[in-house]
Amino acid sequence: MAWPSEQLLTSPWFAALRPTLARLAWDQFPSPQDWRALPEALRPSNAMGRPVHFLPPEELAEAGYEQRIFETGMVATRTDNWHDAFNALCWLSWPHAKAALNALHVAELAQQADSLRSRVRDRATLFDESGLVLACVDAHLAKALRGQEWQRLFVEQADEWGRGLQPYLFGHALLEKGLAPYIGVTGRAWVIEVAPAWLAMSETDKIAVLDQQLAQAIAAGDLAHGDTLHPLPILGIPGWWPIQDAAFYADEAHFRPRRHAAYRGSGVVRHG
């Protein structure tokens, strides 16, 4: 499979992966041998402290996906598969948050009385697949997101994007869509309020801070609350789509207005 080096290193969709990709310096799609040969400094650990390894499913014993990761650190990673490659790259880029999500799944499974997923597991899966982190220096900047006031968020606050509002994609399915974006792609945003000093950090340090904050929030049970994740039309972010004129933002099929009761609660994780 082709490895779109320029796209991965320049598109804003992949900003969260960029420090990891730069350290890996791959110029072709990673093989099983590449995953085995990861630099130890990049290798994450699971919640039990065991090193995480990415192996083809056929090499792994039969077991539940999340339980296996929790008990052994082995993550099933199909060969020549973008979905699984992005999942592995997210483990390298968001190691603490990914480990916390895995631990949450296992804890919920232990309490599960039947085959139905709990709401907490549904939200954890939604964030793992389609989530993004919206770092915010002022909680008021995220108010329009929570109210789905798209004109205000994307047009009136356009100058804040890349400054007071900085998005980083987390979900591996959402990252895969970034290879060929299309109008209508919607992520689930988790707002994290950061201190102004965060803005002066390197990209590596910024993501490390967000990773720690996410892990702490997941462990604290924030995904039990229905107001943690907010729908966000990805291509509305200024600069993420070539034509963002008035007609583009007026399309309610893409930018759907909020149609139920006014939002209550902040859903913001604060970084002191």
C-alpha atoms as a PDB file:
ATOM      1  CA  MET A   1       0.000   0.000   0.000  1.00  0.00           C
ATOM      2  CA  ALA A   2       1.132   3.544  -0.714  1.00  0.00           C
ATOM      3  CA  TRP A   3       2.329   5.682   2.188  1.00  0.00           C
ATOM      4  CA  PRO A   4       1.206   9.332   1.679  1.00  0.00           C
ATOM      5  CA  SER A   5       4.147  10.935   3.448  1.00  0.00           C
ATOM      6  CA  GLU A   6       3.428  14.515   2.376  1.00  0.00           C
ATOM      7  CA  GLN A   7      -0.249  14.321   3.365  1.00  0.00           C
ATOM      8  CA  LEU A   8       0.556  12.797   6.751  1.00  0.00           C
ATOM      9  CA  LEU A   9       3.154  15.474   7.472  1.00  0.00           C
ATOM     10  CA  THR A  10       1.197  18.512   6.238  1.00  0.00           C
ATOM     11  CA  SER A  11      -2.551  17.940   6.634  1.00  0.00           C
ATOM     12  CA  PRO A  12      -4.074  19.320   9.864  1.00  0.00           C
ATOM     13  CA  TRP A  13      -5.986  16.021  10.191  1.00  0.00           C
ATOM     14  CA  PHE A  14      -2.793  14.296  11.310  1.00  0.00           C
ATOM     15  CA  ALA A  15      -1.299  16.954  13.593  1.00  0.00           C
ATOM     16  CA  ALA A  16      -1.604  14.742  16.678  1.00  0.00           C
ATOM     17  CA  LEU A  17       0.396  11.987  14.973  1.00  0.00           C
ATOM     18  CA  ARG A  18       3.070  14.249  13.527  1.00  0.00           C
ATOM     19  CA  PRO A  19       5.628  14.056  16.374  1.00  0.00           C
ATOM     20  CA  THR A  20       5.352  10.264  16.290  1.00  0.00           C
ATOM     21  CA  LEU A  21       5.550  10.064  12.496  1.00  0.00           C
ATOM     22  CA  ALA A  22       8.616  12.302  12.505  1.00  0.00           C
ATOM     23  CA  ARG A  23      10.373   9.959  14.935  1.00  0.00           C
ATOM     24  CA  LEU A  24       9.433   6.880  12.936  1.00  0.00           C
ATOM     25  CA  ALA A  25      10.519   8.458   9.605  1.00  0.00           C
ATOM     26  CA  TRP A  26       8.681   5.782   7.617  1.00  0.00           C
ATOM     27  CA  ASP A  27       8.454   6.167   3.845  1.00  0.00           C
ATOM     28  CA  GLN A  28       6.286   3.112   3.204  1.00  0.00           C
ATOM     29  CA  PHE A  29       3.280   1.430   4.760  1.00  0.00           C
ATOM     30  CA  PRO A  30       4.450  -0.299   7.957  1.00  0.00           C
ATOM     31  CA  SER A  31       4.857  -4.043   7.815  1.00  0.00           C
ATOM     32  CA  PRO A  32       4.469  -6.433  10.777  1.00  0.00           C
ATOM     33  CA  GLN A  33       8.256  -6.273  11.082  1.00  0.00           C
ATOM     34  CA  ASP A  34       8.123  -2.472  11.356  1.00  0.00           C
ATOM     35  CA  TRP A  35       5.634  -2.715  14.218  1.00  0.00           C
ATOM     36  CA  ARG A  36       7.851  -5.259  15.971  1.00  0.00           C
ATOM     37  CA  ALA A  37      10.902  -3.031  15.563  1.00  0.00           C
ATOM     38  CA  LEU A  38       9.421   0.088  17.152  1.00  0.00           C
ATOM     39  CA  PRO A  39      11.915   2.179  19.126  1.00  0.00           C
ATOM     40  CA  GLU A  40      11.503   1.260  22.776  1.00  0.00           C
ATOM     41  CA  ALA A  41      11.253   4.953  23.655  1.00  0.00           C
ATOM     42  CA  LEU A  42       8.019   5.051  21.630  1.00  0.00           C
ATOM     43  CA  ARG A  43       6.528   1.790  22.874  1.00  0.00           C
ATOM     44  CA  PRO A  44       3.499   2.455  25.121  1.00  0.00           C
ATOM     45  CA  SER A  45       2.380   0.452  28.122  1.00  0.00           C
ATOM     46  CA  ASN A  46      -1.096  -0.701  29.039  1.00  0.00           C
ATOM     47  CA  ALA A  47      -2.821   0.128  32.327  1.00  0.00           C
ATOM     48  CA  MET A  48      -1.125  -2.881  33.927  1.00  0.00           C
ATOM     49  CA  GLY A  49       2.309  -1.567  32.961  1.00  0.00           C
ATOM     50  CA  ARG A  50       2.877  -4.216  30.283  1.00  0.00           C
ATOM     51  CA  PRO A  51       4.508  -3.109  27.010  1.00  0.00           C
ATOM     52  CA  VAL A  52       2.117  -2.864  24.085  1.00  0.00           C
ATOM     53  CA  HIS A  53       2.897  -4.816  20.901  1.00  0.00           C
ATOM     54  CA  PHE A  54       1.117  -4.692  17.544  1.00  0.00           C
ATOM     55  CA  LEU A  55       0.784  -8.127  15.960  1.00  0.00           C
ATOM     56  CA  PRO A  56      -1.247  -9.687  13.118  1.00  0.00           C
ATOM     57  CA  PRO A  57      -4.453 -11.275  14.457  1.00  0.00           C
ATOM     58  CA  GLU A  58      -3.447 -14.714  13.170  1.00  0.00           C
ATOM     59  CA  GLU A  59      -0.489 -14.710  15.567  1.00  0.00           C
ATOM     60  CA  LEU A  60      -2.666 -14.087  18.619  1.00  0.00           C
ATOM     61  CA  ALA A  61      -4.553 -16.532  20.776  1.00  0.00           C
ATOM     62  CA  GLU A  62      -8.330 -16.367  20.693  1.00  0.00           C
ATOM     63  CA  ALA A  63      -9.541 -13.845  23.280  1.00  0.00           C
ATOM     64  CA  GLY A  64     -11.641 -10.729  23.617  1.00  0.00           C
ATOM     65  CA  TYR A  65     -10.004  -7.724  21.959  1.00  0.00           C
ATOM     66  CA  GLU A  66      -9.963  -5.385  24.959  1.00  0.00           C
ATOM     67  CA  GLN A  67      -9.292  -8.143  27.509  1.00  0.00           C
ATOM     68  CA  ARG A  68      -6.246  -9.328  25.553  1.00  0.00           C
ATOM     69  CA  ILE A  69      -4.780  -5.829  25.433  1.00  0.00           C
ATOM     70  CA  PHE A  70      -5.358  -5.388  29.160  1.00  0.00           C
ATOM     71  CA  GLU A  71      -3.873  -8.763  30.145  1.00  0.00           C
ATOM     72  CA  THR A  72      -1.014  -9.118  27.642  1.00  0.00           C
ATOM     73  CA  GLY A  73      -0.502  -5.774  25.854  1.00  0.00           C
ATOM     74  CA  MET A  74      -1.059  -7.470  22.486  1.00  0.00           C
ATOM     75  CA  VAL A  75      -3.047  -5.342  20.007  1.00  0.00           C
ATOM     76  CA  ALA A  76      -4.400  -7.093  16.922  1.00  0.00           C
ATOM     77  CA  THR A  77      -3.109  -5.113  13.918  1.00  0.00           C
ATOM     78  CA  ARG A  78      -4.021  -6.344  10.457  1.00  0.00           C
ATOM     79  CA  THR A  79      -1.431  -6.127   7.711  1.00  0.00           C
ATOM     80  CA  ASP A  80      -1.988  -3.421   5.062  1.00  0.00           C
ATOM     81  CA  ASN A  81      -4.983  -2.034   6.920  1.00  0.00           C
ATOM     82  CA  TRP A  82      -5.322   1.721   7.453  1.00  0.00           C
ATOM     83  CA  HIS A  83      -7.864   1.420  10.257  1.00  0.00           C
ATOM     84  CA  ASP A  84      -5.537  -0.732  12.348  1.00  0.00           C
ATOM     85  CA  ALA A  85      -2.441   1.285  11.415  1.00  0.00           C
ATOM     86  CA  PHE A  86      -4.058   4.482  12.672  1.00  0.00           C
ATOM     87  CA  ASN A  87      -5.144   2.677  15.826  1.00  0.00           C
ATOM     88  CA  ALA A  88      -1.532   1.672  16.482  1.00  0.00           C
ATOM     89  CA  LEU A  89      -0.270   5.176  15.725  1.00  0.00           C
ATOM     90  CA  CYS A  90      -2.812   6.539  18.204  1.00  0.00           C
ATOM     91  CA  TRP A  91      -1.414   4.191  20.855  1.00  0.00           C
ATOM     92  CA  LEU A  92       2.013   5.705  20.183  1.00  0.00           C
ATOM     93  CA  SER A  93       0.713   9.294  20.181  1.00  0.00           C
ATOM     94  CA  TRP A  94      -1.860   9.081  22.996  1.00  0.00           C
ATOM     95  CA  PRO A  95      -0.460   6.249  25.161  1.00  0.00           C
ATOM     96  CA  HIS A  96      -2.001   7.195  28.498  1.00  0.00           C
ATOM     97  CA  ALA A  97      -5.463   7.959  27.114  1.00  0.00           C
ATOM     98  CA  LYS A  98      -5.529   4.757  25.046  1.00  0.00           C
ATOM     99  CA  ALA A  99      -4.494   2.697  28.069  1.00  0.00           C
ATOM    100  CA  ALA A 100      -7.182   4.388  30.159  1.00  0.00           C
ATOM    101  CA  LEU A 101      -9.839   3.645  27.530  1.00  0.00           C
ATOM    102  CA  ASN A 102      -8.783  -0.012  27.425  1.00  0.00           C
ATOM    103  CA  ALA A 103      -8.940  -0.253  31.241  1.00  0.00           C
ATOM    104  CA  LEU A 104     -12.394   1.347  31.180  1.00  0.00           C
ATOM    105  CA  HIS A 105     -13.667  -1.204  28.658  1.00  0.00           C
ATOM    106  CA  VAL A 106     -12.386  -4.093  30.784  1.00  0.00           C
ATOM    107  CA  ALA A 107     -13.894  -2.643  33.973  1.00  0.00           C
ATOM    108  CA  GLU A 108     -17.255  -2.195  32.254  1.00  0.00           C
ATOM    109  CA  LEU A 109     -17.110  -5.707  30.796  1.00  0.00           C
ATOM    110  CA  ALA A 110     -16.596  -7.120  34.283  1.00  0.00           C
ATOM    111  CA  GLN A 111     -19.899  -5.542  35.348  1.00  0.00           C
ATOM    112  CA  GLN A 112     -21.776  -6.405  32.172  1.00  0.00           C
ATOM    113  CA  ALA A 113     -24.674  -8.761  32.821  1.00  0.00           C
ATOM    114  CA  ASP A 114     -25.462  -9.534  29.182  1.00  0.00           C
ATOM    115  CA  SER A 115     -24.119  -8.986  25.685  1.00  0.00           C
ATOM    116  CA  LEU A 116     -25.282  -5.379  25.484  1.00  0.00           C
ATOM    117  CA  ARG A 117     -22.657  -2.630  25.729  1.00  0.00           C
ATOM    118  CA  SER A 118     -23.065  -0.133  28.530  1.00  0.00           C
ATOM    119  CA  ARG A 119     -23.571   3.517  27.670  1.00  0.00           C
ATOM    120  CA  VAL A 120     -20.097   4.204  29.022  1.00  0.00           C
ATOM    121  CA  ARG A 121     -18.599   1.638  26.641  1.00  0.00           C
ATOM    122  CA  ASP A 122     -20.597   3.118  23.769  1.00  0.00           C
ATOM    123  CA  ARG A 123     -19.140   6.550  24.503  1.00  0.00           C
ATOM    124  CA  ALA A 124     -15.645   5.149  24.946  1.00  0.00           C
ATOM    125  CA  THR A 125     -15.913   3.415  21.581  1.00  0.00           C
ATOM    126  CA  LEU A 126     -17.330   6.542  19.934  1.00  0.00           C
ATOM    127  CA  PHE A 127     -14.409   8.613  21.171  1.00  0.00           C
ATOM    128  CA  ASP A 128     -11.843   5.928  20.292  1.00  0.00           C
ATOM    129  CA  GLU A 129     -13.199   5.734  16.747  1.00  0.00           C
ATOM    130  CA  SER A 130     -14.393   9.271  15.991  1.00  0.00           C
ATOM    131  CA  GLY A 131     -13.080  11.509  18.748  1.00  0.00           C
ATOM    132  CA  LEU A 132     -11.033  14.663  18.677  1.00  0.00           C
ATOM    133  CA  VAL A 133      -9.568  16.781  21.435  1.00  0.00           C
ATOM    134  CA  LEU A 134     -10.364  20.486  21.342  1.00  0.00           C
ATOM    135  CA  ALA A 135      -7.811  22.341  23.446  1.00  0.00           C
ATOM    136  CA  CYS A 136      -9.288  25.617  24.612  1.00  0.00           C
ATOM    137  CA  VAL A 137      -7.614  28.471  26.519  1.00  0.00           C
ATOM    138  CA  ASP A 138     -10.960  29.971  27.520  1.00  0.00           C
ATOM    139  CA  ALA A 139     -14.042  27.884  28.254  1.00  0.00           C
ATOM    140  CA  HIS A 140     -16.232  30.605  26.711  1.00  0.00           C
ATOM    141  CA  LEU A 141     -14.712  29.867  23.308  1.00  0.00           C
ATOM    142  CA  ALA A 142     -16.265  26.399  23.407  1.00  0.00           C
ATOM    143  CA  LYS A 143     -19.740  27.626  24.295  1.00  0.00           C
ATOM    144  CA  ALA A 144     -20.732  27.804  20.628  1.00  0.00           C
ATOM    145  CA  LEU A 145     -19.673  24.180  20.139  1.00  0.00           C
ATOM    146  CA  ARG A 146     -21.858  22.972  22.968  1.00  0.00           C
ATOM    147  CA  GLY A 147     -24.810  24.932  21.546  1.00  0.00           C
ATOM    148  CA  GLN A 148     -24.025  23.876  17.957  1.00  0.00           C
ATOM    149  CA  GLU A 149     -23.855  27.534  16.958  1.00  0.00           C
ATOM    150  CA  TRP A 150     -21.778  26.865  13.861  1.00  0.00           C
ATOM    151  CA  GLN A 151     -21.769  30.391  12.438  1.00  0.00           C
ATOM    152  CA  ARG A 152     -20.392  31.718  15.690  1.00  0.00           C
ATOM    153  CA  LEU A 153     -17.905  28.890  16.171  1.00  0.00           C
ATOM    154  CA  PHE A 154     -16.463  28.750  12.667  1.00  0.00           C
ATOM    155  CA  VAL A 155     -17.026  32.236  11.240  1.00  0.00           C
ATOM    156  CA  GLU A 156     -17.231  34.751  14.067  1.00  0.00           C
ATOM    157  CA  GLN A 157     -14.502  32.956  16.028  1.00  0.00           C
ATOM    158  CA  ALA A 158     -12.448  32.019  12.952  1.00  0.00           C
ATOM    159  CA  ASP A 159      -9.366  33.881  14.208  1.00  0.00           C
ATOM    160  CA  GLU A 160      -9.345  31.780  17.387  1.00  0.00           C
ATOM    161  CA  TRP A 161      -8.744  28.525  15.527  1.00  0.00           C
ATOM    162  CA  GLY A 162      -5.074  27.628  15.726  1.00  0.00           C
ATOM    163  CA  ARG A 163      -4.732  29.989  18.695  1.00  0.00           C
ATOM    164  CA  GLY A 164      -7.320  29.845  21.469  1.00  0.00           C
ATOM    165  CA  LEU A 165      -8.890  26.749  19.914  1.00  0.00           C
ATOM    166  CA  GLN A 166      -6.610  23.937  18.762  1.00  0.00           C
ATOM    167  CA  PRO A 167      -8.068  20.640  17.475  1.00  0.00           C
ATOM    168  CA  TYR A 168      -6.238  17.295  17.535  1.00  0.00           C
ATOM    169  CA  LEU A 169      -7.843  14.198  16.079  1.00  0.00           C
ATOM    170  CA  PHE A 170      -7.862  11.124  18.324  1.00  0.00           C
ATOM    171  CA  GLY A 171     -10.201   8.565  16.751  1.00  0.00           C
ATOM    172  CA  HIS A 172      -8.547   6.155  14.350  1.00  0.00           C
ATOM    173  CA  ALA A 173     -11.633   5.847  12.130  1.00  0.00           C
ATOM    174  CA  LEU A 174     -11.788   9.633  11.913  1.00  0.00           C
ATOM    175  CA  LEU A 175      -8.097   9.764  11.020  1.00  0.00           C
ATOM    176  CA  GLU A 176      -8.679   7.237   8.258  1.00  0.00           C
ATOM    177  CA  LYS A 177     -11.353   9.507   6.780  1.00  0.00           C
ATOM    178  CA  GLY A 178      -8.713  12.245   6.623  1.00  0.00           C
ATOM    179  CA  LEU A 179      -7.028  10.394   3.769  1.00  0.00           C
ATOM    180  CA  ALA A 180      -9.991  11.317   1.549  1.00  0.00           C
ATOM    181  CA  PRO A 181     -12.182  13.868   3.409  1.00  0.00           C
ATOM    182  CA  TYR A 182     -15.763  14.432   2.332  1.00  0.00           C
ATOM    183  CA  ILE A 183     -18.450  16.906   3.359  1.00  0.00           C
ATOM    184  CA  GLY A 184     -20.457  15.517   6.215  1.00  0.00           C
ATOM    185  CA  VAL A 185     -17.631  14.005   8.277  1.00  0.00           C
ATOM    186  CA  THR A 186     -18.477  14.604  11.925  1.00  0.00           C
ATOM    187  CA  GLY A 187     -16.259  13.957  14.920  1.00  0.00           C
ATOM    188  CA  ARG A 188     -16.995  13.909  18.622  1.00  0.00           C
ATOM    189  CA  ALA A 189     -15.124  16.687  20.396  1.00  0.00           C
ATOM    190  CA  TRP A 190     -13.879  16.461  23.966  1.00  0.00           C
ATOM    191  CA  VAL A 191     -13.076  19.973  25.209  1.00  0.00           C
ATOM    192  CA  ILE A 192     -10.013  20.380  27.410  1.00  0.00           C
ATOM    193  CA  GLU A 193      -9.299  23.789  28.866  1.00  0.00           C
ATOM    194  CA  VAL A 194      -5.578  24.567  28.950  1.00  0.00           C
ATOM    195  CA  ALA A 195      -3.540  27.281  30.607  1.00  0.00           C
ATOM    196  CA  PRO A 196      -2.127  30.061  28.365  1.00  0.00           C
ATOM    197  CA  ALA A 197       1.384  28.678  28.986  1.00  0.00           C
ATOM    198  CA  TRP A 198       0.354  25.551  27.070  1.00  0.00           C
ATOM    199  CA  LEU A 199       0.300  27.582  23.854  1.00  0.00           C
ATOM    200  CA  ALA A 200       4.055  28.169  24.028  1.00  0.00           C
ATOM    201  CA  MET A 201       4.897  24.462  24.328  1.00  0.00           C
ATOM    202  CA  SER A 202       6.265  22.307  21.519  1.00  0.00           C
ATOM    203  CA  GLU A 203       3.728  20.150  19.678  1.00  0.00           C
ATOM    204  CA  THR A 204       5.170  17.080  21.386  1.00  0.00           C
ATOM    205  CA  ASP A 205       4.678  18.599  24.833  1.00  0.00           C
ATOM    206  CA  LYS A 206       1.223  19.955  23.987  1.00  0.00           C
ATOM    207  CA  ILE A 207      -0.019  16.515  23.005  1.00  0.00           C
ATOM    208  CA  ALA A 208       1.633  14.929  26.055  1.00  0.00           C
ATOM    209  CA  VAL A 209      -0.268  17.338  28.339  1.00  0.00           C
ATOM    210  CA  LEU A 210      -3.564  16.614  26.574  1.00  0.00           C
ATOM    211  CA  ASP A 211      -2.876  12.885  26.733  1.00  0.00           C
ATOM    212  CA  GLN A 212      -2.365  13.003  30.501  1.00  0.00           C
ATOM    213  CA  GLN A 213      -5.467  15.144  31.007  1.00  0.00           C
ATOM    214  CA  LEU A 214      -7.582  12.812  28.901  1.00  0.00           C
ATOM    215  CA  ALA A 215      -6.332   9.752  30.783  1.00  0.00           C
ATOM    216  CA  GLN A 216      -7.161  11.368  34.112  1.00  0.00           C
ATOM    217  CA  ALA A 217     -10.637  12.364  32.922  1.00  0.00           C
ATOM    218  CA  ILE A 218     -11.353   8.870  31.574  1.00  0.00           C
ATOM    219  CA  ALA A 219     -10.203   7.282  34.846  1.00  0.00           C
ATOM    220  CA  ALA A 220     -12.343   9.767  36.789  1.00  0.00           C
ATOM    221  CA  GLY A 221     -15.453   8.551  34.971  1.00  0.00           C
ATOM    222  CA  ASP A 222     -16.148  11.565  32.760  1.00  0.00           C
ATOM    223  CA  LEU A 223     -17.484   9.348  29.967  1.00  0.00           C
ATOM    224  CA  ALA A 224     -20.384   8.431  32.237  1.00  0.00           C
ATOM    225  CA  HIS A 225     -21.732  11.917  31.566  1.00  0.00           C
ATOM    226  CA  GLY A 226     -23.678  12.524  28.385  1.00  0.00           C
ATOM    227  CA  ASP A 227     -22.295  16.055  28.034  1.00  0.00           C
ATOM    228  CA  THR A 228     -18.641  15.075  27.548  1.00  0.00           C
ATOM    229  CA  LEU A 229     -18.606  14.545  23.779  1.00  0.00           C
ATOM    230  CA  HIS A 230     -19.990  17.089  21.312  1.00  0.00           C
ATOM    231  CA  PRO A 231     -20.651  16.657  17.562  1.00  0.00           C
ATOM    232  CA  LEU A 232     -18.311  18.745  15.411  1.00  0.00           C
ATOM    233  CA  PRO A 233     -18.480  18.967  11.583  1.00  0.00           C
ATOM    234  CA  ILE A 234     -14.769  18.590  10.916  1.00  0.00           C
ATOM    235  CA  LEU A 235     -14.634  20.443   7.607  1.00  0.00           C
ATOM    236  CA  GLY A 236     -16.071  23.543   9.221  1.00  0.00           C
ATOM    237  CA  ILE A 237     -12.777  24.157  11.002  1.00  0.00           C
ATOM    238  CA  PRO A 238     -11.228  27.172   9.235  1.00  0.00           C
ATOM    239  CA  GLY A 239      -8.672  26.045   6.669  1.00  0.00           C
ATOM    240  CA  TRP A 240      -9.732  22.397   6.644  1.00  0.00           C
ATOM    241  CA  TRP A 241     -11.776  22.594   3.411  1.00  0.00           C
ATOM    242  CA  PRO A 242     -10.903  24.560   0.253  1.00  0.00           C
ATOM    243  CA  ILE A 243     -14.218  26.449  -0.099  1.00  0.00           C
ATOM    244  CA  GLN A 244     -15.652  27.781   3.157  1.00  0.00           C
ATOM    245  CA  ASP A 245     -17.952  30.542   1.974  1.00  0.00           C
ATOM    246  CA  ALA A 246     -21.342  31.649   3.331  1.00  0.00           C
ATOM    247  CA  ALA A 247     -23.192  29.009   1.310  1.00  0.00           C
ATOM    248  CA  PHE A 248     -20.943  26.285   2.703  1.00  0.00           C
ATOM    249  CA  TYR A 249     -21.698  27.195   6.319  1.00  0.00           C
ATOM    250  CA  ALA A 250     -25.411  27.716   5.563  1.00  0.00           C
ATOM    251  CA  ASP A 251     -25.851  24.060   4.563  1.00  0.00           C
ATOM    252  CA  GLU A 252     -27.904  22.637   7.451  1.00  0.00           C
ATOM    253  CA  ALA A 253     -27.515  19.109   6.117  1.00  0.00           C
ATOM    254  CA  HIS A 254     -23.855  19.469   7.102  1.00  0.00           C
ATOM    255  CA  PHE A 255     -24.071  22.040   9.913  1.00  0.00           C
ATOM    256  CA  ARG A 256     -27.094  20.848  11.804  1.00  0.00           C
ATOM    257  CA  PRO A 257     -28.513  23.262  14.398  1.00  0.00           C
ATOM    258  CA  ARG A 258     -29.215  22.096  17.913  1.00  0.00           C
ATOM    259  CA  ARG A 259     -32.888  21.115  18.117  1.00  0.00           C
ATOM    260  CA  HIS A 260     -33.400  20.036  21.725  1.00  0.00           C
ATOM    261  CA  ALA A 261     -33.322  21.639  25.158  1.00  0.00           C
ATOM    262  CA  ALA A 262     -30.599  24.112  25.984  1.00  0.00           C
ATOM    263  CA  TYR A 263     -27.310  22.550  27.002  1.00  0.00           C
ATOM    264  CA  ARG A 264     -26.573  22.270  30.705  1.00  0.00           C
ATOM    265  CA  GLY A 265     -23.138  21.709  32.194  1.00  0.00           C
ATOM    266  CA  SER A 266     -19.687  22.525  30.891  1.00  0.00           C
ATOM    267  CA  GLY A 267     -18.179  19.210  29.787  1.00  0.00           C
ATOM    268  CA  VAL A 268     -14.775  20.856  30.095  1.00  0.00           C
ATOM    269  CA  VAL A 269     -11.662  19.275  31.536  1.00  0.00           C
ATOM    270  CA  ARG A 270      -9.475  21.915  33.079  1.00  0.00           C
ATOM    271  CA  HIS A 271      -5.691  21.984  32.976  1.00  0.00           C
ATOM    272  CA  GLY A 272      -4.356  24.029  35.868  1.00  0.00           C
END
